[in-house]
Protein backbone atom coordinates (compact mmCIF):
# COMPACT_ATOMS: atom_id res chain seq x y z
CA MET A 1 -10.97 5.36 5.23
CA SER A 2 -7.57 7.39 3.56
CA VAL A 3 -4.00 6.39 3.63
CA ARG A 4 -0.64 9.34 2.68
CA ILE A 5 1.48 7.47 0.13
CA ASN A 6 4.40 8.93 1.63
CA SER A 7 6.96 6.67 -1.08
CA ILE A 8 7.12 3.91 -4.02
CA GLU A 9 9.06 1.31 -4.16
CA GLU A 10 10.14 -1.40 -7.08
CA VAL A 11 10.48 -4.41 -5.55
CA GLU A 12 12.21 -8.31 -6.55
CA MET A 13 11.29 -11.23 -5.02
CA ALA A 14 13.68 -13.99 -5.56
CA SER A 15 10.94 -16.33 -6.87
CA GLU A 16 9.59 -14.32 -9.18
CA LYS A 17 10.75 -12.57 -12.18
CA GLU A 18 8.38 -9.32 -12.52
CA SER A 19 8.95 -7.09 -9.68
CA HIS A 20 6.13 -5.48 -7.44
CA THR A 21 5.50 -2.19 -6.47
CA LEU A 22 5.46 -1.65 -3.03
CA LEU A 23 3.70 1.66 -1.45
CA ILE A 24 4.77 2.92 2.07
CA VAL A 25 1.92 4.65 3.56
CA ASP A 26 1.62 6.78 6.71
CA CYS A 27 -2.11 6.41 8.73
CA ASP A 28 -2.98 5.35 11.68
CA ASP A 29 -2.57 1.91 13.74
CA GLU A 30 -6.24 1.45 13.48
CA ALA A 31 -6.18 1.89 9.65
CA ILE A 32 -3.24 -0.44 9.99
CA ASP A 33 -4.73 -3.33 11.44
CA LEU A 34 -7.95 -3.15 9.58
CA TYR A 35 -6.25 -3.01 5.74
CA MET A 36 -4.03 -6.21 7.22
CA ALA A 37 -6.79 -7.99 9.08
CA LEU A 38 -8.55 -7.63 5.15
CA ASN A 39 -5.31 -9.33 3.38
CA VAL A 40 -5.13 -5.97 1.40
CA GLY A 41 -1.78 -6.18 0.67
CA LEU A 42 -2.78 -9.01 -1.80
CA GLU A 43 -5.94 -6.49 -3.29
CA TYR A 44 -5.57 -4.43 -6.29
CA LEU A 45 -7.29 -0.70 -4.91
CA PRO A 46 -7.75 2.56 -6.41
CA VAL A 47 -5.36 5.14 -5.92
CA THR A 48 -6.32 8.78 -6.50
CA ILE A 49 -4.71 11.91 -5.79
CA GLU A 50 -7.77 13.72 -3.97
CA GLY A 51 -7.73 15.34 -0.15
CA GLU A 52 -5.12 17.07 1.31
CA ASP A 53 -1.19 17.82 1.45
């Protein structure tokens, strides 16, 4: 399963000293549901530049 990164933002949390990288992605609703169910928001994921534009 793959997603397209639309933009990258640096965000700061009031309760934390370090900033976090937020990836704004585009994929189908089924993929979003699966990623959210697997709680991948808290996991490291490999990012590659492979695939179609």
